[in-house]
Amino acid sequence: MRNVEVSALCQEEGGVLGTIDRPLGTWIATSKKSGKASRLHVFLLHVTEELSDSEWAESDVRQRRWVDLEYALEVVHREEQHNALLTFKQSLV
């Protein structure tokens, strides 16, 4: 996936703009709906702008909430997402 595609996805899904940093890793994720497996590529994103609801097309179907890393580790239960957060935490040491 190219940086342009990743940036567009961040804007669409999270309503944020930013600079893409290094990759954290790749995991296999299984869709809850279809049961199909796909690769999940995770990158650090340095957020530079948070879009208002009027600028964010998916604000009516998504919620954005900023939390600290420890809280995220408590509430994120999908294995591949939790592993990405753990990898990020370990990279801070």
PDB file of N, CA and C in Angstrom:
ATOM      1  N   MET A   1       0.848  -1.166   0.000  1.00  0.00           N
ATOM      2  CA  MET A   1       0.000   0.000   0.000  1.00  0.00           C
ATOM      3  C   MET A   1       0.899   1.235   0.000  1.00  0.00           C
ATOM      4  N   ARG A   2       0.621   2.173  -0.864  1.00  0.00           N
ATOM      5  CA  ARG A   2       1.426   3.385  -0.971  1.00  0.00           C
ATOM      6  C   ARG A   2       1.021   4.403   0.091  1.00  0.00           C
ATOM      7  N   ASN A   3       1.924   5.350   0.374  1.00  0.00           N
ATOM      8  CA  ASN A   3       1.648   6.381   1.375  1.00  0.00           C
ATOM      9  C   ASN A   3       0.384   7.161   1.067  1.00  0.00           C
ATOM     10  N   VAL A   4       0.124   7.411  -0.208  1.00  0.00           N
ATOM     11  CA  VAL A   4      -1.084   8.142  -0.598  1.00  0.00           C
ATOM     12  C   VAL A   4      -2.325   7.353  -0.199  1.00  0.00           C
ATOM     13  N   GLU A   5      -2.298   6.055  -0.423  1.00  0.00           N
ATOM     14  CA  GLU A   5      -3.443   5.212  -0.056  1.00  0.00           C
ATOM     15  C   GLU A   5      -3.625   5.162   1.454  1.00  0.00           C
ATOM     16  N   VAL A   6      -2.528   5.052   2.182  1.00  0.00           N
ATOM     17  CA  VAL A   6      -2.597   5.015   3.643  1.00  0.00           C
ATOM     18  C   VAL A   6      -3.142   6.336   4.167  1.00  0.00           C
ATOM     19  N   SER A   7      -2.669   7.443   3.621  1.00  0.00           N
ATOM     20  CA  SER A   7      -3.155   8.758   4.047  1.00  0.00           C
ATOM     21  C   SER A   7      -4.640   8.913   3.786  1.00  0.00           C
ATOM     22  N   ALA A   8      -5.086   8.470   2.630  1.00  0.00           N
ATOM     23  CA  ALA A   8      -6.510   8.555   2.300  1.00  0.00           C
ATOM     24  C   ALA A   8      -7.336   7.705   3.253  1.00  0.00           C
ATOM     25  N   LEU A   9      -6.834   6.540   3.604  1.00  0.00           N
ATOM     26  CA  LEU A   9      -7.540   5.658   4.531  1.00  0.00           C
ATOM     27  C   LEU A   9      -7.634   6.289   5.922  1.00  0.00           C
ATOM     28  N   CYS A  10      -6.568   6.930   6.381  1.00  0.00           N
ATOM     29  CA  CYS A  10      -6.594   7.602   7.688  1.00  0.00           C
ATOM     30  C   CYS A  10      -7.629   8.714   7.708  1.00  0.00           C
ATOM     31  N   GLN A  11      -7.708   9.457   6.616  1.00  0.00           N
ATOM     32  CA  GLN A  11      -8.681  10.543   6.534  1.00  0.00           C
ATOM     33  C   GLN A  11     -10.094   9.983   6.515  1.00  0.00           C
ATOM     34  N   GLU A  12     -10.319   8.948   5.716  1.00  0.00           N
ATOM     35  CA  GLU A  12     -11.653   8.364   5.582  1.00  0.00           C
ATOM     36  C   GLU A  12     -12.106   7.694   6.870  1.00  0.00           C
ATOM     37  N   GLU A  13     -11.275   6.848   7.436  1.00  0.00           N
ATOM     38  CA  GLU A  13     -11.682   6.038   8.587  1.00  0.00           C
ATOM     39  C   GLU A  13     -11.582   6.793   9.906  1.00  0.00           C
ATOM     40  N   GLY A  14     -10.557   7.624  10.068  1.00  0.00           N
ATOM     41  CA  GLY A  14     -10.333   8.264  11.358  1.00  0.00           C
ATOM     42  C   GLY A  14     -10.567   9.759  11.395  1.00  0.00           C
ATOM     43  N   GLY A  15     -10.731  10.357  10.228  1.00  0.00           N
ATOM     44  CA  GLY A  15     -10.937  11.797  10.197  1.00  0.00           C
ATOM     45  C   GLY A  15      -9.722  12.582  10.647  1.00  0.00           C
ATOM     46  N   VAL A  16      -8.537  12.059  10.316  1.00  0.00           N
ATOM     47  CA  VAL A  16      -7.298  12.737  10.694  1.00  0.00           C
ATOM     48  C   VAL A  16      -6.351  12.813   9.498  1.00  0.00           C
ATOM     49  N   LEU A  17      -5.474  13.799   9.544  1.00  0.00           N
ATOM     50  CA  LEU A  17      -4.396  13.932   8.573  1.00  0.00           C
ATOM     51  C   LEU A  17      -3.091  13.823   9.343  1.00  0.00           C
ATOM     52  N   GLY A  18      -2.056  13.360   8.667  1.00  0.00           N
ATOM     53  CA  GLY A  18      -0.785  13.245   9.361  1.00  0.00           C
ATOM     54  C   GLY A  18       0.320  12.730   8.475  1.00  0.00           C
ATOM     55  N   THR A  19       1.445  12.488   9.107  1.00  0.00           N
ATOM     56  CA  THR A  19       2.637  11.999   8.433  1.00  0.00           C
ATOM     57  C   THR A  19       2.855  10.538   8.806  1.00  0.00           C
ATOM     58  N   ILE A  20       2.984   9.704   7.802  1.00  0.00           N
ATOM     59  CA  ILE A  20       3.187   8.274   8.023  1.00  0.00           C
ATOM     60  C   ILE A  20       4.646   8.028   8.373  1.00  0.00           C
ATOM     61  N   ASP A  21       4.845   7.273   9.433  1.00  0.00           N
ATOM     62  CA  ASP A  21       6.182   6.960   9.922  1.00  0.00           C
ATOM     63  C   ASP A  21       6.488   5.501   9.600  1.00  0.00           C
ATOM     64  N   ARG A  22       7.349   4.930  10.366  1.00  0.00           N
ATOM     65  CA  ARG A  22       7.815   3.565  10.132  1.00  0.00           C
ATOM     66  C   ARG A  22       6.709   2.534  10.339  1.00  0.00           C
ATOM     67  N   PRO A  23       6.843   1.388   9.679  1.00  0.00           N
ATOM     68  CA  PRO A  23       5.879   0.307   9.913  1.00  0.00           C
ATOM     69  C   PRO A  23       6.112  -0.343  11.276  1.00  0.00           C
ATOM     70  N   LEU A  24       5.011  -0.737  11.924  1.00  0.00           N
ATOM     71  CA  LEU A  24       5.105  -1.489  13.180  1.00  0.00           C
ATOM     72  C   LEU A  24       5.142  -2.980  12.917  1.00  0.00           C
ATOM     73  N   GLY A  25       4.523  -3.400  11.819  1.00  0.00           N
ATOM     74  CA  GLY A  25       4.518  -4.818  11.506  1.00  0.00           C
ATOM     75  C   GLY A  25       3.328  -5.212  10.662  1.00  0.00           C
ATOM     76  N   THR A  26       3.262  -6.498  10.373  1.00  0.00           N
ATOM     77  CA  THR A  26       2.185  -7.068   9.570  1.00  0.00           C
ATOM     78  C   THR A  26       1.607  -8.248  10.328  1.00  0.00           C
ATOM     79  N   TRP A  27       0.293  -8.294  10.397  1.00  0.00           N
ATOM     80  CA  TRP A  27      -0.413  -9.377  11.075  1.00  0.00           C
ATOM     81  C   TRP A  27      -1.494  -9.916  10.156  1.00  0.00           C
ATOM     82  N   ILE A  28      -1.954 -11.103  10.438  1.00  0.00           N
ATOM     83  CA  ILE A  28      -3.085 -11.685   9.715  1.00  0.00           C
ATOM     84  C   ILE A  28      -4.343 -11.377  10.520  1.00  0.00           C
ATOM     85  N   ALA A  29      -5.317 -10.773   9.858  1.00  0.00           N
ATOM     86  CA  ALA A  29      -6.585 -10.420  10.502  1.00  0.00           C
ATOM     87  C   ALA A  29      -7.707 -11.176   9.809  1.00  0.00           C
ATOM     88  N   THR A  30      -8.652 -11.652  10.585  1.00  0.00           N
ATOM     89  CA  THR A  30      -9.803 -12.365  10.038  1.00  0.00           C
ATOM     90  C   THR A  30     -11.040 -11.496  10.177  1.00  0.00           C
ATOM     91  N   SER A  31     -11.738 -11.293   9.077  1.00  0.00           N
ATOM     92  CA  SER A  31     -12.949 -10.478   9.071  1.00  0.00           C
ATOM     93  C   SER A  31     -14.040 -11.133   9.902  1.00  0.00           C
ATOM     94  N   LYS A  32     -14.682 -10.335  10.762  1.00  0.00           N
ATOM     95  CA  LYS A  32     -15.795 -10.860  11.556  1.00  0.00           C
ATOM     96  C   LYS A  32     -16.990 -11.186  10.665  1.00  0.00           C
ATOM     97  N   LYS A  33     -17.175 -10.402   9.603  1.00  0.00           N
ATOM     98  CA  LYS A  33     -18.330 -10.606   8.718  1.00  0.00           C
ATOM     99  C   LYS A  33     -18.155 -11.799   7.792  1.00  0.00           C
ATOM    100  N   SER A  34     -17.035 -11.821   7.066  1.00  0.00           N
ATOM    101  CA  SER A  34     -16.863 -12.839   6.029  1.00  0.00           C
ATOM    102  C   SER A  34     -16.055 -14.047   6.488  1.00  0.00           C
ATOM    103  N   GLY A  35     -15.265 -13.883   7.545  1.00  0.00           N
ATOM    104  CA  GLY A  35     -14.396 -14.960   7.996  1.00  0.00           C
ATOM    105  C   GLY A  35     -13.122 -15.087   7.171  1.00  0.00           C
ATOM    106  N   LYS A  36     -12.940 -14.201   6.186  1.00  0.00           N
ATOM    107  CA  LYS A  36     -11.754 -14.248   5.330  1.00  0.00           C
ATOM    108  C   LYS A  36     -10.564 -13.599   6.025  1.00  0.00           C
ATOM    109  N   ALA A  37      -9.407 -14.183   5.782  1.00  0.00           N
ATOM    110  CA  ALA A  37      -8.169 -13.646   6.346  1.00  0.00           C
ATOM    111  C   ALA A  37      -7.545 -12.645   5.381  1.00  0.00           C
ATOM    112  N   SER A  38      -6.926 -11.619   5.942  1.00  0.00           N
ATOM    113  CA  SER A  38      -6.197 -10.649   5.132  1.00  0.00           C
ATOM    114  C   SER A  38      -5.009 -10.138   5.937  1.00  0.00           C
ATOM    115  N   ARG A  39      -4.064  -9.536   5.238  1.00  0.00           N
ATOM    116  CA  ARG A  39      -2.896  -8.978   5.912  1.00  0.00           C
ATOM    117  C   ARG A  39      -3.243  -7.593   6.451  1.00  0.00           C
ATOM    118  N   LEU A  40      -2.827  -7.344   7.669  1.00  0.00           N
ATOM    119  CA  LEU A  40      -3.008  -6.050   8.304  1.00  0.00           C
ATOM    120  C   LEU A  40      -1.628  -5.420   8.448  1.00  0.00           C
ATOM    121  N   HIS A  41      -1.383  -4.351   7.691  1.00  0.00           N
ATOM    122  CA  HIS A  41      -0.118  -3.622   7.761  1.00  0.00           C
ATOM    123  C   HIS A  41      -0.343  -2.415   8.665  1.00  0.00           C
ATOM    124  N   VAL A  42       0.461  -2.291   9.709  1.00  0.00           N
ATOM    125  CA  VAL A  42       0.272  -1.216  10.679  1.00  0.00           C
ATOM    126  C   VAL A  42       1.480  -0.285  10.651  1.00  0.00           C
ATOM    127  N   PHE A  43       1.191   1.018  10.550  1.00  0.00           N
ATOM    128  CA  PHE A  43       2.213   2.052  10.528  1.00  0.00           C
ATOM    129  C   PHE A  43       1.937   3.052  11.637  1.00  0.00           C
ATOM    130  N   LEU A  44       2.986   3.705  12.108  1.00  0.00           N
ATOM    131  CA  LEU A  44       2.799   4.838  13.004  1.00  0.00           C
ATOM    132  C   LEU A  44       2.316   6.018  12.177  1.00  0.00           C
ATOM    133  N   LEU A  45       1.443   6.811  12.739  1.00  0.00           N
ATOM    134  CA  LEU A  45       0.950   8.021  12.079  1.00  0.00           C
ATOM    135  C   LEU A  45       1.083   9.169  13.060  1.00  0.00           C
ATOM    136  N   HIS A  46       1.832  10.181  12.681  1.00  0.00           N
ATOM    137  CA  HIS A  46       1.934  11.394  13.485  1.00  0.00           C
ATOM    138  C   HIS A  46       0.810  12.316  13.030  1.00  0.00           C
ATOM    139  N   VAL A  47      -0.219  12.421  13.839  1.00  0.00           N
ATOM    140  CA  VAL A  47      -1.397  13.205  13.469  1.00  0.00           C
ATOM    141  C   VAL A  47      -1.054  14.685  13.535  1.00  0.00           C
ATOM    142  N   THR A  48      -1.349  15.391  12.440  1.00  0.00           N
ATOM    143  CA  THR A  48      -1.102  16.829  12.377  1.00  0.00           C
ATOM    144  C   THR A  48      -2.393  17.627  12.366  1.00  0.00           C
ATOM    145  N   GLU A  49      -3.501  16.978  12.025  1.00  0.00           N
ATOM    146  CA  GLU A  49      -4.780  17.693  11.973  1.00  0.00           C
ATOM    147  C   GLU A  49      -5.930  16.725  12.215  1.00  0.00           C
ATOM    148  N   GLU A  50      -6.871  17.160  13.026  1.00  0.00           N
ATOM    149  CA  GLU A  50      -8.101  16.409  13.271  1.00  0.00           C
ATOM    150  C   GLU A  50      -9.213  17.128  12.517  1.00  0.00           C
ATOM    151  N   LEU A  51      -9.864  16.423  11.597  1.00  0.00           N
ATOM    152  CA  LEU A  51     -10.911  17.035  10.787  1.00  0.00           C
ATOM    153  C   LEU A  51     -12.181  17.230  11.604  1.00  0.00           C
ATOM    154  N   SER A  52     -12.885  18.311  11.313  1.00  0.00           N
ATOM    155  CA  SER A  52     -14.183  18.527  11.956  1.00  0.00           C
ATOM    156  C   SER A  52     -15.182  17.544  11.356  1.00  0.00           C
ATOM    157  N   ASP A  53     -16.306  17.369  12.030  1.00  0.00           N
ATOM    158  CA  ASP A  53     -17.323  16.444  11.522  1.00  0.00           C
ATOM    159  C   ASP A  53     -17.788  16.832  10.127  1.00  0.00           C
ATOM    160  N   SER A  54     -17.837  18.132   9.827  1.00  0.00           N
ATOM    161  CA  SER A  54     -18.280  18.556   8.494  1.00  0.00           C
ATOM    162  C   SER A  54     -17.247  18.226   7.421  1.00  0.00           C
ATOM    163  N   GLU A  55     -15.974  18.068   7.806  1.00  0.00           N
ATOM    164  CA  GLU A  55     -14.910  17.723   6.858  1.00  0.00           C
ATOM    165  C   GLU A  55     -14.689  16.217   6.755  1.00  0.00           C
ATOM    166  N   TRP A  56     -15.218  15.471   7.692  1.00  0.00           N
ATOM    167  CA  TRP A  56     -14.983  14.035   7.796  1.00  0.00           C
ATOM    168  C   TRP A  56     -16.217  13.303   7.307  1.00  0.00           C
ATOM    169  N   ALA A  57     -16.112  12.695   6.133  1.00  0.00           N
ATOM    170  CA  ALA A  57     -17.270  12.079   5.468  1.00  0.00           C
ATOM    171  C   ALA A  57     -17.903  10.961   6.290  1.00  0.00           C
ATOM    172  N   GLU A  58     -17.131  10.225   7.072  1.00  0.00           N
ATOM    173  CA  GLU A  58     -17.674   9.081   7.805  1.00  0.00           C
ATOM    174  C   GLU A  58     -18.022   9.403   9.263  1.00  0.00           C
ATOM    175  N   SER A  59     -18.105  10.678   9.597  1.00  0.00           N
ATOM    176  CA  SER A  59     -18.389  11.051  10.991  1.00  0.00           C
ATOM    177  C   SER A  59     -19.766  10.588  11.451  1.00  0.00           C
ATOM    178  N   ASP A  60     -20.664  10.353  10.503  1.00  0.00           N
ATOM    179  CA  ASP A  60     -22.007   9.894  10.886  1.00  0.00           C
ATOM    180  C   ASP A  60     -22.047   8.394  11.182  1.00  0.00           C
ATOM    181  N   VAL A  61     -21.022   7.642  10.770  1.00  0.00           N
ATOM    182  CA  VAL A  61     -21.019   6.189  10.998  1.00  0.00           C
ATOM    183  C   VAL A  61     -19.839   5.720  11.855  1.00  0.00           C
ATOM    184  N   ARG A  62     -18.941   6.640  12.206  1.00  0.00           N
ATOM    185  CA  ARG A  62     -17.777   6.276  13.017  1.00  0.00           C
ATOM    186  C   ARG A  62     -17.632   7.252  14.172  1.00  0.00           C
ATOM    187  N   GLN A  63     -16.997   6.784  15.226  1.00  0.00           N
ATOM    188  CA  GLN A  63     -16.665   7.639  16.358  1.00  0.00           C
ATOM    189  C   GLN A  63     -15.157   7.689  16.505  1.00  0.00           C
ATOM    190  N   ARG A  64     -14.670   8.849  16.874  1.00  0.00           N
ATOM    191  CA  ARG A  64     -13.234   9.019  17.101  1.00  0.00           C
ATOM    192  C   ARG A  64     -13.059   9.385  18.576  1.00  0.00           C
ATOM    193  N   ARG A  65     -12.143   8.707  19.226  1.00  0.00           N
ATOM    194  CA  ARG A  65     -11.879   8.996  20.637  1.00  0.00           C
ATOM    195  C   ARG A  65     -10.387   8.805  20.885  1.00  0.00           C
ATOM    196  N   TRP A  66      -9.756   9.781  21.496  1.00  0.00           N
ATOM    197  CA  TRP A  66      -8.343   9.722  21.804  1.00  0.00           C
ATOM    198  C   TRP A  66      -8.173   9.136  23.200  1.00  0.00           C
ATOM    199  N   VAL A  67      -7.326   8.125  23.302  1.00  0.00           N
ATOM    200  CA  VAL A  67      -7.061   7.474  24.589  1.00  0.00           C
ATOM    201  C   VAL A  67      -5.561   7.253  24.725  1.00  0.00           C
ATOM    202  N   ASP A  68      -5.121   7.046  25.970  1.00  0.00           N
ATOM    203  CA  ASP A  68      -3.703   6.742  26.154  1.00  0.00           C
ATOM    204  C   ASP A  68      -3.454   5.265  25.841  1.00  0.00           C
ATOM    205  N   LEU A  69      -2.193   4.933  25.688  1.00  0.00           N
ATOM    206  CA  LEU A  69      -1.804   3.591  25.250  1.00  0.00           C
ATOM    207  C   LEU A  69      -2.246   2.513  26.233  1.00  0.00           C
ATOM    208  N   GLU A  70      -2.100   2.755  27.517  1.00  0.00           N
ATOM    209  CA  GLU A  70      -2.479   1.738  28.504  1.00  0.00           C
ATOM    210  C   GLU A  70      -3.974   1.434  28.440  1.00  0.00           C
ATOM    211  N   TYR A  71      -4.782   2.466  28.275  1.00  0.00           N
ATOM    212  CA  TYR A  71      -6.227   2.243  28.169  1.00  0.00           C
ATOM    213  C   TYR A  71      -6.546   1.468  26.887  1.00  0.00           C
ATOM    214  N   ALA A  72      -5.889   1.837  25.790  1.00  0.00           N
ATOM    215  CA  ALA A  72      -6.110   1.130  24.523  1.00  0.00           C
ATOM    216  C   ALA A  72      -5.786  -0.353  24.670  1.00  0.00           C
ATOM    217  N   LEU A  73      -4.713  -0.666  25.379  1.00  0.00           N
ATOM    218  CA  LEU A  73      -4.346  -2.072  25.591  1.00  0.00           C
ATOM    219  C   LEU A  73      -5.401  -2.818  26.407  1.00  0.00           C
ATOM    220  N   GLU A  74      -6.101  -2.111  27.278  1.00  0.00           N
ATOM    221  CA  GLU A  74      -7.159  -2.736  28.076  1.00  0.00           C
ATOM    222  C   GLU A  74      -8.419  -3.022  27.262  1.00  0.00           C
ATOM    223  N   VAL A  75      -8.745  -2.130  26.329  1.00  0.00           N
ATOM    224  CA  VAL A  75     -10.048  -2.240  25.656  1.00  0.00           C
ATOM    225  C   VAL A  75      -9.997  -2.854  24.261  1.00  0.00           C
ATOM    226  N   VAL A  76      -8.821  -2.938  23.660  1.00  0.00           N
ATOM    227  CA  VAL A  76      -8.702  -3.537  22.324  1.00  0.00           C
ATOM    228  C   VAL A  76      -8.504  -5.038  22.500  1.00  0.00           C
ATOM    229  N   HIS A  77      -9.464  -5.817  22.017  1.00  0.00           N
ATOM    230  CA  HIS A  77      -9.432  -7.263  22.235  1.00  0.00           C
ATOM    231  C   HIS A  77      -9.120  -8.079  20.981  1.00  0.00           C
ATOM    232  N   ARG A  78      -9.225  -7.474  19.804  1.00  0.00           N
ATOM    233  CA  ARG A  78      -8.853  -8.232  18.598  1.00  0.00           C
ATOM    234  C   ARG A  78      -7.346  -8.473  18.644  1.00  0.00           C
ATOM    235  N   GLU A  79      -6.978  -9.729  18.508  1.00  0.00           N
ATOM    236  CA  GLU A  79      -5.589 -10.137  18.731  1.00  0.00           C
ATOM    237  C   GLU A  79      -4.591  -9.346  17.892  1.00  0.00           C
ATOM    238  N   GLU A  80      -4.861  -9.195  16.605  1.00  0.00           N
ATOM    239  CA  GLU A  80      -3.892  -8.527  15.732  1.00  0.00           C
ATOM    240  C   GLU A  80      -3.756  -7.048  16.096  1.00  0.00           C
ATOM    241  N   GLN A  81      -4.842  -6.398  16.483  1.00  0.00           N
ATOM    242  CA  GLN A  81      -4.776  -4.991  16.876  1.00  0.00           C
ATOM    243  C   GLN A  81      -4.060  -4.840  18.220  1.00  0.00           C
ATOM    244  N   HIS A  82      -4.343  -5.735  19.138  1.00  0.00           N
ATOM    245  CA  HIS A  82      -3.680  -5.715  20.442  1.00  0.00           C
ATOM    246  C   HIS A  82      -2.180  -5.944  20.275  1.00  0.00           C
ATOM    247  N   ASN A  83      -1.805  -6.869  19.403  1.00  0.00           N
ATOM    248  CA  ASN A  83      -0.383  -7.130  19.146  1.00  0.00           C
ATOM    249  C   ASN A  83       0.311  -5.913  18.546  1.00  0.00           C
ATOM    250  N   ALA A  84      -0.381  -5.180  17.683  1.00  0.00           N
ATOM    251  CA  ALA A  84       0.191  -3.960  17.110  1.00  0.00           C
ATOM    252  C   ALA A  84       0.447  -2.930  18.208  1.00  0.00           C
ATOM    253  N   LEU A  85      -0.496  -2.793  19.129  1.00  0.00           N
ATOM    254  CA  LEU A  85      -0.310  -1.863  20.247  1.00  0.00           C
ATOM    255  C   LEU A  85       0.852  -2.296  21.142  1.00  0.00           C
ATOM    256  N   LEU A  86       0.968  -3.593  21.408  1.00  0.00           N
ATOM    257  CA  LEU A  86       2.089  -4.095  22.215  1.00  0.00           C
ATOM    258  C   LEU A  86       3.430  -3.832  21.530  1.00  0.00           C
ATOM    259  N   THR A  87       3.467  -4.028  20.216  1.00  0.00           N
ATOM    260  CA  THR A  87       4.691  -3.766  19.460  1.00  0.00           C
ATOM    261  C   THR A  87       5.075  -2.300  19.574  1.00  0.00           C
ATOM    262  N   PHE A  88       4.078  -1.423  19.471  1.00  0.00           N
ATOM    263  CA  PHE A  88       4.343   0.009  19.614  1.00  0.00           C
ATOM    264  C   PHE A  88       4.878   0.317  21.012  1.00  0.00           C
ATOM    265  N   LYS A  89       4.258  -0.234  22.035  1.00  0.00           N
ATOM    266  CA  LYS A  89       4.700   0.007  23.416  1.00  0.00           C
ATOM    267  C   LYS A  89       6.146  -0.446  23.603  1.00  0.00           C
ATOM    268  N   GLN A  90       6.489  -1.610  23.068  1.00  0.00           N
ATOM    269  CA  GLN A  90       7.851  -2.130  23.200  1.00  0.00           C
ATOM    270  C   GLN A  90       8.860  -1.260  22.452  1.00  0.00           C
ATOM    271  N   SER A  91       8.412  -0.600  21.381  1.00  0.00           N
ATOM    272  CA  SER A  91       9.320   0.258  20.612  1.00  0.00           C
ATOM    273  C   SER A  91       9.650   1.549  21.359  1.00  0.00           C
ATOM    274  N   LEU A  92       8.867   1.874  22.383  1.00  0.00           N
ATOM    275  CA  LEU A  92       9.101   3.098  23.149  1.00  0.00           C
ATOM    276  C   LEU A  92      10.201   2.940  24.189  1.00  0.00           C
ATOM    277  N   VAL A  93      10.551   1.693  24.483  1.00  0.00           N
ATOM    278  CA  VAL A  93      11.537   1.420  25.546  1.00  0.00           C
ATOM    279  C   VAL A  93      12.940   1.672  25.055  1.00  0.00           C
TER     280      VAL A  93
END
